Amino acid sequence: MGKKGFIFDLDGVIVDTAGFHYLAWRNLAHELGFEFTEKQNERFKGVSRVRSLEILLEIGDVKATQEQKESWLVSKNEEYLSYISKMTSNDILPGVLKVLDYLQEKQIPMALGSASKNAQPILKRVGLFDRFDSIVDGNHVTKAKPDPEVFTIGADALGVAYTDAVVFEDSIAGIQAANRVDMVSIGIGDAQVLHEADHNFKDFTEIDTAFLDQLINA
């Protein structure tokens, strides 16, 4: 049994910023002359900003120059940042603090592993920046999930073997990324969507200390 390390995705796991992303992408779609639905927004989970724009343009059948794309990426991000600048600790999802407190009490190393380039300012806004021993975000990775790069960098930073890493994710791409390197995958959200996960929970309120002990001592 090796030392365990826990890695958490950000959006939809620690905080719910997916709604902010959706609003910003929807407004851009309106500017470009088409509708963008919440169902279509599901395709953006765990995906980089650049790839998200590509998907949005495919949905709207919009052709664009590289210069236009870069301009839209900047304006979308500025709108998103205006939303997250108003975030507080009240935006931490239910049950998350209880889990982080327990793992900290047990001295279990924790990392954040997120595709978001805004992970650090978000964590600072909600008061969780100092909770993580390592923060790996979109500024540190070149490959998007389901490539496991964000999680392998996190595990390496925590000094744990990949098989001793436990990953909390809300996207199927993130679950697949963890599974590719034999990390323990915990799906947070719809179990039908995240059916490839080793364990599934609707949210962190369903996770008790007995389950955490099971993970720590496995």
C-alpha atoms as a PDB file:
ATOM      1  CA  MET A   1       0.000   0.000   0.000  1.00  0.00           C
ATOM      2  CA  GLY A   2       1.534   3.290  -1.129  1.00  0.00           C
ATOM      3  CA  LYS A   3       0.904   6.802   0.105  1.00  0.00           C
ATOM      4  CA  LYS A   4      -2.362   8.099  -1.322  1.00  0.00           C
ATOM      5  CA  GLY A   5      -2.902  11.451  -3.021  1.00  0.00           C
ATOM      6  CA  PHE A   6      -6.227  13.046  -3.886  1.00  0.00           C
ATOM      7  CA  ILE A   7      -6.719  15.148  -7.034  1.00  0.00           C
ATOM      8  CA  PHE A   8      -9.780  17.327  -7.613  1.00  0.00           C
ATOM      9  CA  ASP A   9     -11.114  18.857 -10.784  1.00  0.00           C
ATOM     10  CA  LEU A  10     -12.439  22.400 -10.249  1.00  0.00           C
ATOM     11  CA  ASP A  11     -15.499  23.255 -12.337  1.00  0.00           C
ATOM     12  CA  GLY A  12     -18.481  21.165 -11.267  1.00  0.00           C
ATOM     13  CA  VAL A  13     -16.501  19.468  -8.488  1.00  0.00           C
ATOM     14  CA  ILE A  14     -15.175  22.124  -6.079  1.00  0.00           C
ATOM     15  CA  VAL A  15     -17.247  25.043  -7.390  1.00  0.00           C
ATOM     16  CA  ASP A  16     -19.913  25.304 -10.056  1.00  0.00           C
ATOM     17  CA  THR A  17     -18.585  27.764 -12.597  1.00  0.00           C
ATOM     18  CA  ALA A  18     -20.060  25.804 -15.512  1.00  0.00           C
ATOM     19  CA  GLY A  19     -23.073  28.119 -15.425  1.00  0.00           C
ATOM     20  CA  PHE A  20     -20.807  31.154 -15.869  1.00  0.00           C
ATOM     21  CA  HIS A  21     -19.079  29.512 -18.834  1.00  0.00           C
ATOM     22  CA  TYR A  22     -22.442  28.715 -20.364  1.00  0.00           C
ATOM     23  CA  LEU A  23     -23.691  32.293 -20.047  1.00  0.00           C
ATOM     24  CA  ALA A  24     -20.550  33.666 -21.707  1.00  0.00           C
ATOM     25  CA  TRP A  25     -20.633  31.120 -24.561  1.00  0.00           C
ATOM     26  CA  ARG A  26     -24.380  31.631 -25.055  1.00  0.00           C
ATOM     27  CA  ASN A  27     -23.910  35.392 -25.323  1.00  0.00           C
ATOM     28  CA  LEU A  28     -21.160  34.904 -27.891  1.00  0.00           C
ATOM     29  CA  ALA A  29     -23.418  32.571 -29.879  1.00  0.00           C
ATOM     30  CA  HIS A  30     -26.145  35.247 -29.841  1.00  0.00           C
ATOM     31  CA  GLU A  31     -23.630  37.774 -31.183  1.00  0.00           C
ATOM     32  CA  LEU A  32     -22.815  35.335 -33.988  1.00  0.00           C
ATOM     33  CA  GLY A  33     -26.483  34.799 -34.785  1.00  0.00           C
ATOM     34  CA  PHE A  34     -27.431  31.407 -33.399  1.00  0.00           C
ATOM     35  CA  GLU A  35     -28.806  29.723 -30.275  1.00  0.00           C
ATOM     36  CA  PHE A  36     -26.637  27.700 -27.892  1.00  0.00           C
ATOM     37  CA  THR A  37     -28.458  25.397 -25.473  1.00  0.00           C
ATOM     38  CA  GLU A  38     -27.571  23.973 -22.072  1.00  0.00           C
ATOM     39  CA  LYS A  39     -27.674  20.494 -23.585  1.00  0.00           C
ATOM     40  CA  GLN A  40     -25.065  21.491 -26.176  1.00  0.00           C
ATOM     41  CA  ASN A  41     -23.017  22.999 -23.349  1.00  0.00           C
ATOM     42  CA  GLU A  42     -22.524  19.467 -21.940  1.00  0.00           C
ATOM     43  CA  ARG A  43     -19.988  18.918 -24.741  1.00  0.00           C
ATOM     44  CA  PHE A  44     -17.782  21.620 -23.187  1.00  0.00           C
ATOM     45  CA  LYS A  45     -17.169  19.814 -19.878  1.00  0.00           C
ATOM     46  CA  GLY A  46     -13.465  19.187 -19.292  1.00  0.00           C
ATOM     47  CA  VAL A  47     -12.593  20.817 -22.627  1.00  0.00           C
ATOM     48  CA  SER A  48     -10.108  23.649 -23.190  1.00  0.00           C
ATOM     49  CA  ARG A  49     -11.269  27.155 -24.084  1.00  0.00           C
ATOM     50  CA  VAL A  50      -9.843  26.896 -27.613  1.00  0.00           C
ATOM     51  CA  ARG A  51     -11.545  23.575 -28.285  1.00  0.00           C
ATOM     52  CA  SER A  52     -14.788  24.919 -26.782  1.00  0.00           C
ATOM     53  CA  LEU A  53     -14.763  27.766 -29.292  1.00  0.00           C
ATOM     54  CA  GLU A  54     -14.164  25.303 -32.133  1.00  0.00           C
ATOM     55  CA  ILE A  55     -17.187  23.269 -31.005  1.00  0.00           C
ATOM     56  CA  LEU A  56     -19.305  26.423 -30.701  1.00  0.00           C
ATOM     57  CA  LEU A  57     -18.403  27.491 -34.244  1.00  0.00           C
ATOM     58  CA  GLU A  58     -19.194  23.987 -35.520  1.00  0.00           C
ATOM     59  CA  ILE A  59     -22.627  24.155 -33.835  1.00  0.00           C
ATOM     60  CA  GLY A  60     -23.354  27.535 -35.451  1.00  0.00           C
ATOM     61  CA  ASP A  61     -21.695  26.568 -38.747  1.00  0.00           C
ATOM     62  CA  VAL A  62     -19.600  29.734 -38.469  1.00  0.00           C
ATOM     63  CA  LYS A  63     -16.378  30.169 -40.417  1.00  0.00           C
ATOM     64  CA  ALA A  64     -13.793  32.486 -38.890  1.00  0.00           C
ATOM     65  CA  THR A  65     -10.250  33.728 -39.279  1.00  0.00           C
ATOM     66  CA  GLN A  66      -7.636  33.059 -36.606  1.00  0.00           C
ATOM     67  CA  GLU A  67      -7.755  36.751 -35.702  1.00  0.00           C
ATOM     68  CA  GLN A  68     -11.525  36.580 -35.146  1.00  0.00           C
ATOM     69  CA  LYS A  69     -11.172  33.445 -33.032  1.00  0.00           C
ATOM     70  CA  GLU A  70      -8.548  35.054 -30.816  1.00  0.00           C
ATOM     71  CA  SER A  71     -10.718  38.143 -30.378  1.00  0.00           C
ATOM     72  CA  TRP A  72     -13.743  36.030 -29.394  1.00  0.00           C
ATOM     73  CA  LEU A  73     -11.669  33.995 -26.935  1.00  0.00           C
ATOM     74  CA  VAL A  74     -10.537  37.190 -25.230  1.00  0.00           C
ATOM     75  CA  SER A  75     -14.039  38.703 -25.044  1.00  0.00           C
ATOM     76  CA  LYS A  76     -15.567  35.431 -23.779  1.00  0.00           C
ATOM     77  CA  ASN A  77     -12.921  35.154 -21.086  1.00  0.00           C
ATOM     78  CA  GLU A  78     -13.358  38.778 -20.010  1.00  0.00           C
ATOM     79  CA  GLU A  79     -17.097  38.185 -19.553  1.00  0.00           C
ATOM     80  CA  TYR A  80     -16.418  34.956 -17.631  1.00  0.00           C
ATOM     81  CA  LEU A  81     -13.895  36.747 -15.392  1.00  0.00           C
ATOM     82  CA  SER A  82     -16.496  39.407 -14.600  1.00  0.00           C
ATOM     83  CA  TYR A  83     -18.731  36.621 -13.254  1.00  0.00           C
ATOM     84  CA  ILE A  84     -16.057  34.866 -11.190  1.00  0.00           C
ATOM     85  CA  SER A  85     -14.834  38.170  -9.720  1.00  0.00           C
ATOM     86  CA  LYS A  86     -18.045  38.145  -7.679  1.00  0.00           C
ATOM     87  CA  MET A  87     -17.530  34.614  -6.288  1.00  0.00           C
ATOM     88  CA  THR A  88     -17.257  33.968  -2.534  1.00  0.00           C
ATOM     89  CA  SER A  89     -16.947  30.956  -0.237  1.00  0.00           C
ATOM     90  CA  ASN A  90     -20.707  30.553  -0.681  1.00  0.00           C
ATOM     91  CA  ASP A  91     -19.957  29.241  -4.179  1.00  0.00           C
ATOM     92  CA  ILE A  92     -18.154  26.144  -2.849  1.00  0.00           C
ATOM     93  CA  LEU A  93     -20.355  23.151  -3.651  1.00  0.00           C
ATOM     94  CA  PRO A  94     -22.171  21.337  -0.810  1.00  0.00           C
ATOM     95  CA  GLY A  95     -20.114  18.783   1.126  1.00  0.00           C
ATOM     96  CA  VAL A  96     -16.765  19.781  -0.379  1.00  0.00           C
ATOM     97  CA  LEU A  97     -15.389  21.489   2.746  1.00  0.00           C
ATOM     98  CA  LYS A  98     -16.233  18.468   4.899  1.00  0.00           C
ATOM     99  CA  VAL A  99     -14.196  16.210   2.592  1.00  0.00           C
ATOM    100  CA  LEU A 100     -11.256  18.636   2.351  1.00  0.00           C
ATOM    101  CA  ASP A 101     -11.248  19.114   6.144  1.00  0.00           C
ATOM    102  CA  TYR A 102     -11.152  15.370   6.758  1.00  0.00           C
ATOM    103  CA  LEU A 103      -8.345  14.727   4.261  1.00  0.00           C
ATOM    104  CA  GLN A 104      -6.350  17.629   5.698  1.00  0.00           C
ATOM    105  CA  GLU A 105      -6.856  16.222   9.206  1.00  0.00           C
ATOM    106  CA  LYS A 106      -5.512  12.875   7.948  1.00  0.00           C
ATOM    107  CA  GLN A 107      -2.555  14.692   6.324  1.00  0.00           C
ATOM    108  CA  ILE A 108      -3.424  13.364   2.884  1.00  0.00           C
ATOM    109  CA  PRO A 109      -1.728  15.356   0.098  1.00  0.00           C
ATOM    110  CA  MET A 110      -4.180  17.077  -2.256  1.00  0.00           C
ATOM    111  CA  ALA A 111      -3.849  18.619  -5.699  1.00  0.00           C
ATOM    112  CA  LEU A 112      -6.137  20.509  -8.005  1.00  0.00           C
ATOM    113  CA  GLY A 113      -6.166  19.258 -11.604  1.00  0.00           C
ATOM    114  CA  SER A 114      -8.164  21.505 -13.915  1.00  0.00           C
ATOM    115  CA  ALA A 115      -8.155  22.550 -17.563  1.00  0.00           C
ATOM    116  CA  SER A 116      -9.173  26.048 -16.445  1.00  0.00           C
ATOM    117  CA  LYS A 117      -6.605  28.815 -16.798  1.00  0.00           C
ATOM    118  CA  ASN A 118      -8.565  30.712 -14.149  1.00  0.00           C
ATOM    119  CA  ALA A 119      -8.269  28.032 -11.460  1.00  0.00           C
ATOM    120  CA  GLN A 120      -5.947  30.022  -9.188  1.00  0.00           C
ATOM    121  CA  PRO A 121      -8.013  33.247  -9.062  1.00  0.00           C
ATOM    122  CA  ILE A 122     -11.169  31.188  -8.476  1.00  0.00           C
ATOM    123  CA  LEU A 123      -9.572  29.300  -5.575  1.00  0.00           C
ATOM    124  CA  LYS A 124      -8.406  32.589  -4.082  1.00  0.00           C
ATOM    125  CA  ARG A 125     -11.867  34.130  -4.409  1.00  0.00           C
ATOM    126  CA  VAL A 126     -13.536  31.225  -2.563  1.00  0.00           C
ATOM    127  CA  GLY A 127     -10.762  30.881   0.048  1.00  0.00           C
ATOM    128  CA  LEU A 128      -9.420  27.460  -0.961  1.00  0.00           C
ATOM    129  CA  PHE A 129      -6.105  28.380  -2.570  1.00  0.00           C
ATOM    130  CA  ASP A 130      -4.031  27.300   0.438  1.00  0.00           C
ATOM    131  CA  ARG A 131      -5.832  23.973   0.816  1.00  0.00           C
ATOM    132  CA  PHE A 132      -3.963  22.306  -2.059  1.00  0.00           C
ATOM    133  CA  ASP A 133      -0.375  21.126  -2.008  1.00  0.00           C
ATOM    134  CA  SER A 134      -0.210  21.506  -5.779  1.00  0.00           C
ATOM    135  CA  ILE A 135      -2.328  23.342  -8.338  1.00  0.00           C
ATOM    136  CA  VAL A 136      -2.159  22.126 -11.925  1.00  0.00           C
ATOM    137  CA  ASP A 137      -4.253  24.174 -14.325  1.00  0.00           C
ATOM    138  CA  GLY A 138      -4.562  25.132 -17.975  1.00  0.00           C
ATOM    139  CA  ASN A 139      -1.348  27.139 -17.725  1.00  0.00           C
ATOM    140  CA  HIS A 140       0.651  23.978 -16.987  1.00  0.00           C
ATOM    141  CA  VAL A 141      -0.721  21.454 -19.493  1.00  0.00           C
ATOM    142  CA  THR A 142      -0.663  21.114 -23.271  1.00  0.00           C
ATOM    143  CA  LYS A 143      -2.980  18.125 -23.665  1.00  0.00           C
ATOM    144  CA  ALA A 144      -6.698  18.169 -22.911  1.00  0.00           C
ATOM    145  CA  LYS A 145      -8.599  15.405 -21.129  1.00  0.00           C
ATOM    146  CA  PRO A 146      -9.088  12.499 -21.837  1.00  0.00           C
ATOM    147  CA  ASP A 147      -5.301  12.739 -21.990  1.00  0.00           C
ATOM    148  CA  PRO A 148      -4.218  12.195 -18.356  1.00  0.00           C
ATOM    149  CA  GLU A 149      -1.477  14.857 -18.390  1.00  0.00           C
ATOM    150  CA  VAL A 150      -3.169  17.183 -15.863  1.00  0.00           C
ATOM    151  CA  PHE A 151      -3.542  14.296 -13.391  1.00  0.00           C
ATOM    152  CA  THR A 152      -0.106  12.732 -13.927  1.00  0.00           C
ATOM    153  CA  ILE A 153       1.536  16.127 -13.314  1.00  0.00           C
ATOM    154  CA  GLY A 154      -0.575  16.441 -10.156  1.00  0.00           C
ATOM    155  CA  ALA A 155       0.365  12.983  -8.895  1.00  0.00           C
ATOM    156  CA  ASP A 156       4.044  13.626  -9.633  1.00  0.00           C
ATOM    157  CA  ALA A 157       3.866  16.901  -7.694  1.00  0.00           C
ATOM    158  CA  LEU A 158       2.311  15.079  -4.717  1.00  0.00           C
ATOM    159  CA  GLY A 159       4.940  12.346  -4.921  1.00  0.00           C
ATOM    160  CA  VAL A 160       2.426   9.515  -5.278  1.00  0.00           C
ATOM    161  CA  ALA A 161       2.257   6.613  -7.738  1.00  0.00           C
ATOM    162  CA  TYR A 162      -0.495   6.930 -10.338  1.00  0.00           C
ATOM    163  CA  THR A 163      -2.188   3.821  -8.949  1.00  0.00           C
ATOM    164  CA  ASP A 164      -2.296   5.538  -5.535  1.00  0.00           C
ATOM    165  CA  ALA A 165      -3.979   8.681  -6.874  1.00  0.00           C
ATOM    166  CA  VAL A 166      -7.716   9.283  -6.370  1.00  0.00           C
ATOM    167  CA  VAL A 167      -9.394  11.629  -8.856  1.00  0.00           C
ATOM    168  CA  PHE A 168     -12.709  13.480  -8.416  1.00  0.00           C
ATOM    169  CA  GLU A 169     -14.274  14.471 -11.749  1.00  0.00           C
ATOM    170  CA  ASP A 170     -17.600  15.582 -13.203  1.00  0.00           C
ATOM    171  CA  SER A 171     -16.835  14.959 -16.892  1.00  0.00           C
ATOM    172  CA  ILE A 172     -16.569  11.700 -18.809  1.00  0.00           C
ATOM    173  CA  ALA A 173     -13.341  12.964 -20.412  1.00  0.00           C
ATOM    174  CA  GLY A 174     -11.867  13.452 -16.926  1.00  0.00           C
ATOM    175  CA  ILE A 175     -12.958   9.992 -15.782  1.00  0.00           C
ATOM    176  CA  GLN A 176     -11.404   8.466 -18.891  1.00  0.00           C
ATOM    177  CA  ALA A 177      -8.184  10.423 -18.263  1.00  0.00           C
ATOM    178  CA  ALA A 178      -7.899   9.022 -14.730  1.00  0.00           C
ATOM    179  CA  ASN A 179      -8.728   5.504 -15.874  1.00  0.00           C
ATOM    180  CA  ARG A 180      -6.053   5.576 -18.583  1.00  0.00           C
ATOM    181  CA  VAL A 181      -3.311   5.616 -15.934  1.00  0.00           C
ATOM    182  CA  ASP A 182      -5.116   3.367 -13.437  1.00  0.00           C
ATOM    183  CA  MET A 183      -5.980   6.111 -10.966  1.00  0.00           C
ATOM    184  CA  VAL A 184      -9.098   5.591  -8.836  1.00  0.00           C
ATOM    185  CA  SER A 185     -11.864   7.601 -10.516  1.00  0.00           C
ATOM    186  CA  ILE A 186     -14.734   9.139  -8.556  1.00  0.00           C
ATOM    187  CA  GLY A 187     -17.584  10.525 -10.646  1.00  0.00           C
ATOM    188  CA  ILE A 188     -19.401  13.549  -9.224  1.00  0.00           C
ATOM    189  CA  GLY A 189     -22.719  14.083 -10.981  1.00  0.00           C
ATOM    190  CA  ASP A 190     -24.899  11.953 -13.243  1.00  0.00           C
ATOM    191  CA  ALA A 191     -23.926   8.287 -12.775  1.00  0.00           C
ATOM    192  CA  GLN A 192     -25.350   7.391 -16.184  1.00  0.00           C
ATOM    193  CA  VAL A 193     -23.069   9.890 -17.900  1.00  0.00           C
ATOM    194  CA  LEU A 194     -20.079   9.009 -15.685  1.00  0.00           C
ATOM    195  CA  HIS A 195     -20.652   5.249 -15.792  1.00  0.00           C
ATOM    196  CA  GLU A 196     -16.966   4.522 -16.468  1.00  0.00           C
ATOM    197  CA  ALA A 197     -16.000   5.817 -13.010  1.00  0.00           C
ATOM    198  CA  ASP A 198     -14.906   3.399 -10.268  1.00  0.00           C
ATOM    199  CA  HIS A 199     -17.362   5.086  -7.870  1.00  0.00           C
ATOM    200  CA  ASN A 200     -20.235   7.514  -8.411  1.00  0.00           C
ATOM    201  CA  PHE A 201     -21.855  10.155  -6.208  1.00  0.00           C
ATOM    202  CA  LYS A 202     -24.438  12.812  -6.982  1.00  0.00           C
ATOM    203  CA  ASP A 203     -22.361  15.297  -4.978  1.00  0.00           C
ATOM    204  CA  PHE A 204     -19.993  15.456  -2.010  1.00  0.00           C
ATOM    205  CA  THR A 205     -22.823  15.329   0.529  1.00  0.00           C
ATOM    206  CA  GLU A 206     -23.099  11.603  -0.288  1.00  0.00           C
ATOM    207  CA  ILE A 207     -19.435  10.944   0.575  1.00  0.00           C
ATOM    208  CA  ASP A 208     -18.847   9.910   4.190  1.00  0.00           C
ATOM    209  CA  THR A 209     -15.658   9.475   6.194  1.00  0.00           C
ATOM    210  CA  ALA A 210     -15.944   5.673   6.048  1.00  0.00           C
ATOM    211  CA  PHE A 211     -15.658   5.843   2.245  1.00  0.00           C
ATOM    212  CA  LEU A 212     -12.709   8.230   2.477  1.00  0.00           C
ATOM    213  CA  ASP A 213     -10.986   5.864   4.912  1.00  0.00           C
ATOM    214  CA  GLN A 214     -11.624   3.029   2.453  1.00  0.00           C
ATOM    215  CA  LEU A 215      -9.856   5.020  -0.284  1.00  0.00           C
ATOM    216  CA  ILE A 216      -6.978   6.033   1.999  1.00  0.00           C
ATOM    217  CA  ASN A 217      -6.358   2.496   3.218  1.00  0.00           C
ATOM    218  CA  ALA A 218      -6.899   0.611  -0.054  1.00  0.00           C
END
